[in-house]
Structures are given as structure tokens and as C-alpha cells.
């Protein structure tokens, strides 16, 4: 089990009610980690619509979450 810090942006932050949280997870990869968060917070977006970053660098959904890492889930955003 690894402890990681999850960062949420835009609609994900709104749905979670927090910008970040520290969680313990047994997720094998970043996709599974997002699916755990999605179930916990009721996120509507599937992982295919998001970008994921680990410790400030974009990552592949199939990568294992590093213990102590900072994982950011980044939804599409629009601006005007």
C-alpha cells in the first residue's frame, strides 16, 4: 500500500470539494488510482478525457503510482 497526494483541478476539484488529499492505495497503476478517486467522489469524466501527471511531469495511465508521489488529475478546461 502506498500513500500518495492527489491533486484535483477544475471540475474535479469542484466535485471532490477539495483541491488535494492524501490517500493510501493499492492501485496497480494511475488509471486504477483515478478510478478509486472517481468512485469516492463521483467524478463523471472517464480517464480518457483527462491528463495525469506525476511529480509535475505528464505520465502514462499505465504507470505505477510512486509511494510518496504527487499525482495530478487534469480535466480539459476552456477559457475565454
N, C-alpha and C. Protein backbone atom coordinates (compact mmCIF):
# COMPACT_ATOMS: atom_id res chain seq x y z
N UNK A 1 0.85 -1.18 0.00
CA UNK A 1 0.00 0.00 0.00
C UNK A 1 0.89 1.23 0.00
N UNK A 2 0.56 2.18 -0.87
CA UNK A 2 1.35 3.40 -0.98
C UNK A 2 0.52 4.62 -0.61
N UNK A 3 1.15 5.56 0.05
CA UNK A 3 0.49 6.84 0.35
C UNK A 3 0.91 7.82 -0.73
N UNK A 4 -0.07 8.46 -1.36
CA UNK A 4 0.18 9.45 -2.40
C UNK A 4 -0.67 10.68 -2.15
N UNK A 5 -0.25 11.80 -2.72
CA UNK A 5 -1.03 13.03 -2.65
C UNK A 5 -1.71 13.22 -4.00
N UNK A 6 -3.02 13.38 -3.98
CA UNK A 6 -3.79 13.58 -5.20
C UNK A 6 -4.16 15.05 -5.32
N UNK A 7 -3.96 15.60 -6.51
CA UNK A 7 -4.32 16.98 -6.81
C UNK A 7 -5.47 16.98 -7.80
N UNK A 8 -6.48 17.79 -7.54
CA UNK A 8 -7.65 17.89 -8.41
C UNK A 8 -7.77 19.32 -8.94
N UNK A 9 -8.14 19.43 -10.19
CA UNK A 9 -8.29 20.74 -10.82
C UNK A 9 -9.67 20.88 -11.45
N UNK A 10 -10.10 22.12 -11.59
CA UNK A 10 -11.33 22.50 -12.29
C UNK A 10 -12.53 21.68 -11.80
N UNK A 11 -13.24 20.99 -12.71
CA UNK A 11 -14.47 20.28 -12.34
C UNK A 11 -14.21 19.16 -11.33
N UNK A 12 -13.02 18.56 -11.37
CA UNK A 12 -12.71 17.52 -10.39
C UNK A 12 -12.59 18.10 -8.99
N UNK A 13 -11.96 19.28 -8.89
CA UNK A 13 -11.84 19.96 -7.59
C UNK A 13 -13.24 20.30 -7.07
N UNK A 14 -14.10 20.78 -7.96
CA UNK A 14 -15.46 21.13 -7.55
C UNK A 14 -16.21 19.90 -7.04
N UNK A 15 -16.09 18.79 -7.75
CA UNK A 15 -16.81 17.57 -7.37
C UNK A 15 -16.27 16.98 -6.06
N UNK A 16 -14.95 17.03 -5.88
CA UNK A 16 -14.34 16.46 -4.66
C UNK A 16 -14.54 17.38 -3.46
N UNK A 17 -14.67 18.67 -3.72
CA UNK A 17 -14.81 19.63 -2.62
C UNK A 17 -13.47 19.99 -1.98
N UNK A 18 -12.39 19.48 -2.54
CA UNK A 18 -11.04 19.77 -2.06
C UNK A 18 -10.10 19.86 -3.28
N UNK A 19 -9.03 20.60 -3.12
CA UNK A 19 -8.03 20.70 -4.20
C UNK A 19 -7.02 19.57 -4.13
N UNK A 20 -6.83 18.99 -2.94
CA UNK A 20 -5.88 17.89 -2.81
C UNK A 20 -6.24 17.05 -1.60
N UNK A 21 -5.74 15.82 -1.61
CA UNK A 21 -5.92 14.93 -0.48
C UNK A 21 -4.81 13.90 -0.49
N UNK A 22 -4.50 13.39 0.67
CA UNK A 22 -3.52 12.33 0.81
C UNK A 22 -4.28 11.03 1.03
N UNK A 23 -3.94 10.00 0.23
CA UNK A 23 -4.66 8.73 0.33
C UNK A 23 -3.69 7.56 0.35
N UNK A 24 -4.15 6.45 0.90
CA UNK A 24 -3.43 5.18 0.85
C UNK A 24 -4.12 4.36 -0.23
N UNK A 25 -3.33 3.75 -1.11
CA UNK A 25 -3.91 3.00 -2.21
C UNK A 25 -3.08 1.77 -2.54
N UNK A 26 -3.77 0.75 -3.02
CA UNK A 26 -3.11 -0.45 -3.53
C UNK A 26 -3.22 -0.50 -5.05
N UNK A 27 -3.61 0.61 -5.68
CA UNK A 27 -3.78 0.65 -7.13
C UNK A 27 -2.50 0.24 -7.85
N UNK A 28 -2.67 -0.60 -8.87
CA UNK A 28 -1.52 -1.09 -9.64
C UNK A 28 -1.00 -0.03 -10.61
N UNK A 29 -1.91 0.85 -11.05
CA UNK A 29 -1.50 1.90 -12.00
C UNK A 29 -2.31 3.16 -11.76
N UNK A 30 -1.95 4.20 -12.50
CA UNK A 30 -2.59 5.51 -12.30
C UNK A 30 -4.07 5.47 -12.70
N UNK A 31 -4.41 4.65 -13.68
CA UNK A 31 -5.83 4.52 -14.08
C UNK A 31 -6.64 3.96 -12.90
N UNK A 32 -6.14 2.91 -12.25
CA UNK A 32 -6.84 2.34 -11.10
C UNK A 32 -6.94 3.35 -9.96
N UNK A 33 -5.88 4.13 -9.77
CA UNK A 33 -5.88 5.16 -8.73
C UNK A 33 -6.97 6.19 -9.00
N UNK A 34 -7.08 6.62 -10.27
CA UNK A 34 -8.14 7.57 -10.63
C UNK A 34 -9.52 6.94 -10.43
N UNK A 35 -9.67 5.67 -10.79
CA UNK A 35 -10.96 5.02 -10.64
C UNK A 35 -11.37 4.92 -9.16
N UNK A 36 -10.40 4.74 -8.26
CA UNK A 36 -10.69 4.77 -6.83
C UNK A 36 -11.21 6.16 -6.42
N UNK A 37 -10.53 7.20 -6.90
CA UNK A 37 -10.95 8.57 -6.58
C UNK A 37 -12.30 8.87 -7.21
N UNK A 38 -12.51 8.37 -8.41
CA UNK A 38 -13.77 8.59 -9.12
C UNK A 38 -14.92 7.98 -8.33
N UNK A 39 -14.74 6.77 -7.83
CA UNK A 39 -15.78 6.12 -7.03
C UNK A 39 -16.03 6.87 -5.72
N UNK A 40 -14.97 7.37 -5.12
CA UNK A 40 -15.08 8.07 -3.83
C UNK A 40 -15.79 9.41 -3.97
N UNK A 41 -15.51 10.13 -5.07
CA UNK A 41 -16.02 11.50 -5.22
C UNK A 41 -17.12 11.65 -6.28
N UNK A 42 -17.42 10.60 -7.01
CA UNK A 42 -18.47 10.68 -8.02
C UNK A 42 -18.07 11.45 -9.27
N UNK A 43 -16.78 11.43 -9.61
CA UNK A 43 -16.34 12.12 -10.83
C UNK A 43 -17.05 11.54 -12.04
N UNK A 44 -17.48 12.41 -12.95
CA UNK A 44 -18.19 11.96 -14.14
C UNK A 44 -17.25 11.66 -15.30
N UNK A 45 -16.11 12.31 -15.36
CA UNK A 45 -15.21 12.15 -16.50
C UNK A 45 -14.45 10.82 -16.46
N UNK A 46 -14.42 10.11 -17.60
CA UNK A 46 -13.61 8.90 -17.67
C UNK A 46 -12.14 9.29 -17.82
N UNK A 47 -11.21 8.39 -17.49
CA UNK A 47 -9.79 8.73 -17.58
C UNK A 47 -9.35 9.14 -18.99
N UNK A 48 -10.02 8.66 -20.01
CA UNK A 48 -9.66 9.01 -21.39
C UNK A 48 -9.81 10.50 -21.68
N UNK A 49 -10.59 11.19 -20.87
CA UNK A 49 -10.82 12.63 -21.06
C UNK A 49 -9.85 13.49 -20.26
N UNK A 50 -8.98 12.85 -19.45
CA UNK A 50 -8.08 13.57 -18.54
C UNK A 50 -6.63 13.39 -18.94
N UNK A 51 -5.79 14.26 -18.39
CA UNK A 51 -4.34 14.06 -18.40
C UNK A 51 -3.95 13.73 -16.97
N UNK A 52 -2.87 13.01 -16.82
CA UNK A 52 -2.37 12.68 -15.49
C UNK A 52 -0.90 13.07 -15.43
N UNK A 53 -0.50 13.59 -14.28
CA UNK A 53 0.90 13.98 -14.08
C UNK A 53 1.38 13.42 -12.75
N UNK A 54 2.65 13.04 -12.72
CA UNK A 54 3.29 12.54 -11.51
C UNK A 54 4.47 13.44 -11.19
N UNK A 55 4.44 14.02 -10.01
CA UNK A 55 5.51 14.91 -9.56
C UNK A 55 5.84 15.98 -10.61
N UNK A 56 4.78 16.56 -11.19
CA UNK A 56 4.94 17.69 -12.10
C UNK A 56 5.24 17.33 -13.54
N UNK A 57 5.26 16.04 -13.90
CA UNK A 57 5.55 15.61 -15.27
C UNK A 57 4.38 14.76 -15.78
N UNK A 58 3.93 15.05 -17.02
CA UNK A 58 2.86 14.22 -17.58
C UNK A 58 3.30 12.76 -17.59
N UNK A 59 2.36 11.86 -17.33
CA UNK A 59 2.66 10.44 -17.20
C UNK A 59 1.67 9.62 -18.00
N UNK A 60 1.97 8.35 -18.15
CA UNK A 60 1.13 7.39 -18.83
C UNK A 60 0.19 6.74 -17.80
N UNK A 61 -1.06 6.54 -18.18
CA UNK A 61 -2.04 5.96 -17.26
C UNK A 61 -1.62 4.58 -16.77
N UNK A 62 -0.79 3.87 -17.51
CA UNK A 62 -0.37 2.54 -17.12
C UNK A 62 0.78 2.51 -16.13
N UNK A 63 1.31 3.68 -15.78
CA UNK A 63 2.43 3.76 -14.83
C UNK A 63 1.96 3.48 -13.41
N UNK A 64 2.83 2.88 -12.64
CA UNK A 64 2.52 2.61 -11.23
C UNK A 64 2.63 3.91 -10.43
N UNK A 65 1.72 4.15 -9.50
CA UNK A 65 1.83 5.34 -8.65
C UNK A 65 2.99 5.19 -7.67
N UNK A 66 3.92 6.14 -7.67
CA UNK A 66 5.07 6.03 -6.76
C UNK A 66 4.69 6.39 -5.33
N UNK A 67 5.17 5.60 -4.38
CA UNK A 67 4.93 5.91 -2.97
C UNK A 67 5.46 7.30 -2.66
N UNK A 68 4.65 8.11 -2.01
CA UNK A 68 5.04 9.47 -1.67
C UNK A 68 4.91 10.45 -2.82
N UNK A 69 4.42 9.98 -3.97
CA UNK A 69 4.31 10.84 -5.15
C UNK A 69 3.13 11.79 -5.08
N UNK A 70 3.20 12.80 -5.93
CA UNK A 70 2.12 13.78 -6.07
C UNK A 70 1.50 13.55 -7.44
N UNK A 71 0.24 13.13 -7.45
CA UNK A 71 -0.46 12.76 -8.67
C UNK A 71 -1.52 13.81 -8.96
N UNK A 72 -1.46 14.39 -10.16
CA UNK A 72 -2.45 15.40 -10.56
C UNK A 72 -3.35 14.84 -11.64
N UNK A 73 -4.64 14.97 -11.44
CA UNK A 73 -5.63 14.60 -12.44
C UNK A 73 -6.14 15.91 -13.06
N UNK A 74 -5.96 16.04 -14.38
CA UNK A 74 -6.19 17.32 -15.04
C UNK A 74 -7.26 17.16 -16.11
N UNK A 75 -8.45 17.71 -15.87
CA UNK A 75 -9.52 17.63 -16.86
C UNK A 75 -9.33 18.67 -17.96
N UNK A 76 -10.06 18.48 -19.08
CA UNK A 76 -10.00 19.52 -20.10
C UNK A 76 -10.60 20.81 -19.54
N UNK A 77 -10.02 21.91 -19.90
CA UNK A 77 -10.53 23.20 -19.43
C UNK A 77 -10.75 24.10 -20.64
N UNK A 78 -11.64 25.05 -20.49
CA UNK A 78 -11.84 26.03 -21.54
C UNK A 78 -11.74 27.40 -20.92
N UNK A 79 -11.36 28.31 -21.71
CA UNK A 79 -11.21 29.69 -21.22
C UNK A 79 -11.71 30.66 -22.27
N UNK A 80 -11.83 31.88 -21.86
CA UNK A 80 -12.37 32.84 -22.81
C UNK A 80 -11.76 34.16 -22.69
